[in-house]
Amino acid sequence: ALVRSENPNVTNTDVSRILGERWRNMSEEDKRHYRETELVEREEYKQRMARFKAQQARIDASSRTHHSSMTLQHPEETDQRHETTPHNYSVAQETLEY
């Protein structure tokens, strides 16, 4: 934001170039703060992604289980498959549950 406010008419490419020049000219001591912050944020990101992926896996597994028990037959129809289906849903009833 600072580079953009100092140079309002430059392109994104030029902003990247300016930032690269500033980074290269920065002392190692000044860079240390940014590198340490990046390591902390990277670890936090990895942990958030692991939680997100685990949550998505649970949702996907739940979705597969739920839909695999769904019958596409009308509730009044009967046959062996319909009678052994754990839930007696019609397509319309299943849609309303969402």
Protein backbone atom coordinates (compact mmCIF):
# COMPACT_ATOMS: atom_id res chain seq x y z
CA ALA A 1 0.00 0.00 0.00
CA LEU A 2 2.87 2.35 0.79
CA VAL A 3 4.51 1.81 -2.60
CA ARG A 4 1.18 2.36 -4.35
CA SER A 5 0.50 5.57 -2.41
CA GLU A 6 4.00 6.85 -3.17
CA ASN A 7 3.65 5.89 -6.87
CA PRO A 8 -0.07 6.08 -7.72
CA ASN A 9 0.39 5.83 -11.50
CA VAL A 10 2.69 2.79 -11.73
CA THR A 11 1.63 -0.64 -12.94
CA ASN A 12 1.55 -3.75 -10.75
CA THR A 13 4.69 -4.91 -12.53
CA ASP A 14 6.48 -1.73 -11.50
CA VAL A 15 5.23 -2.07 -7.91
CA SER A 16 6.71 -5.60 -7.83
CA ARG A 17 9.98 -4.29 -9.24
CA ILE A 18 10.16 -1.51 -6.63
CA LEU A 19 9.43 -3.96 -3.81
CA GLY A 20 12.11 -6.32 -5.12
CA GLU A 21 14.65 -3.52 -5.15
CA ARG A 22 13.74 -2.52 -1.60
CA TRP A 23 14.08 -6.13 -0.43
CA ARG A 24 17.47 -6.58 -2.08
CA ASN A 25 18.73 -3.34 -0.53
CA MET A 26 17.45 -4.18 2.95
CA SER A 27 19.96 -5.32 5.58
CA GLU A 28 19.87 -8.91 6.82
CA GLU A 29 18.89 -7.66 10.26
CA ASP A 30 15.90 -5.78 8.80
CA LYS A 31 14.89 -8.87 6.81
CA ARG A 32 15.01 -11.09 9.92
CA HIS A 33 11.65 -9.80 11.23
CA TYR A 34 9.90 -10.56 7.93
CA ARG A 35 11.45 -14.02 7.65
CA GLU A 36 10.48 -14.94 11.21
CA THR A 37 6.95 -13.66 10.63
CA GLU A 38 6.73 -15.71 7.44
CA LEU A 39 7.75 -18.91 9.25
CA VAL A 40 5.11 -18.39 11.94
CA GLU A 41 2.42 -17.58 9.39
CA ARG A 42 3.38 -20.55 7.21
CA GLU A 43 3.01 -22.92 10.17
CA GLU A 44 -0.37 -21.40 11.06
CA TYR A 45 -1.45 -21.80 7.44
CA LYS A 46 -0.43 -25.46 7.41
CA GLN A 47 -2.42 -26.11 10.58
CA ARG A 48 -5.50 -24.30 9.23
CA MET A 49 -5.27 -26.24 5.96
CA ALA A 50 -4.96 -29.55 7.83
CA ARG A 51 -8.11 -28.71 9.84
CA PHE A 52 -9.91 -27.60 6.68
CA LYS A 53 -8.99 -30.77 4.78
CA ALA A 54 -10.06 -32.96 7.71
CA GLN A 55 -13.37 -31.11 7.89
CA GLN A 56 -13.88 -31.50 4.14
CA ALA A 57 -13.10 -35.22 4.37
CA ARG A 58 -15.74 -35.61 7.10
CA ILE A 59 -18.27 -33.67 5.03
CA ASP A 60 -17.47 -35.73 1.92
CA ALA A 61 -17.72 -39.00 3.84
CA SER A 62 -20.99 -37.92 5.40
CA SER A 63 -22.33 -36.90 2.02
CA ARG A 64 -21.37 -40.23 0.44
CA THR A 65 -22.98 -42.16 3.29
CA HIS A 66 -26.13 -40.07 3.23
CA HIS A 67 -26.65 -40.26 -0.52
CA SER A 68 -25.82 -43.95 -0.76
CA SER A 69 -28.79 -44.73 1.49
CA MET A 70 -31.16 -42.61 -0.58
CA THR A 71 -33.70 -44.44 -2.71
CA LEU A 72 -34.92 -43.01 -5.99
CA GLN A 73 -38.17 -44.97 -5.92
CA HIS A 74 -41.55 -43.59 -5.07
CA PRO A 75 -42.47 -44.59 -1.47
CA GLU A 76 -45.55 -46.48 -2.66
CA GLU A 77 -43.46 -48.81 -4.84
CA THR A 78 -42.19 -51.92 -3.14
CA ASP A 79 -39.51 -54.38 -4.08
CA GLN A 80 -36.67 -56.12 -2.27
CA ARG A 81 -34.28 -53.16 -2.58
CA HIS A 82 -36.90 -50.66 -1.38
CA GLU A 83 -37.86 -52.72 1.66
CA THR A 84 -34.25 -53.07 2.81
CA THR A 85 -33.40 -49.38 2.33
CA PRO A 86 -32.92 -47.84 5.79
CA HIS A 87 -34.77 -44.64 4.88
CA ASN A 88 -38.00 -44.54 2.96
CA TYR A 89 -37.35 -41.27 1.10
CA SER A 90 -38.70 -40.13 -2.17
CA VAL A 91 -36.61 -37.80 -4.32
CA ALA A 92 -38.89 -34.87 -3.40
CA GLN A 93 -38.60 -35.59 0.34
CA GLU A 94 -34.81 -35.89 0.07
CA THR A 95 -34.58 -32.53 -1.67
CA LEU A 96 -36.57 -30.81 1.07
CA GLU A 97 -34.10 -31.93 3.75
CA TYR A 98 -31.39 -29.66 2.38
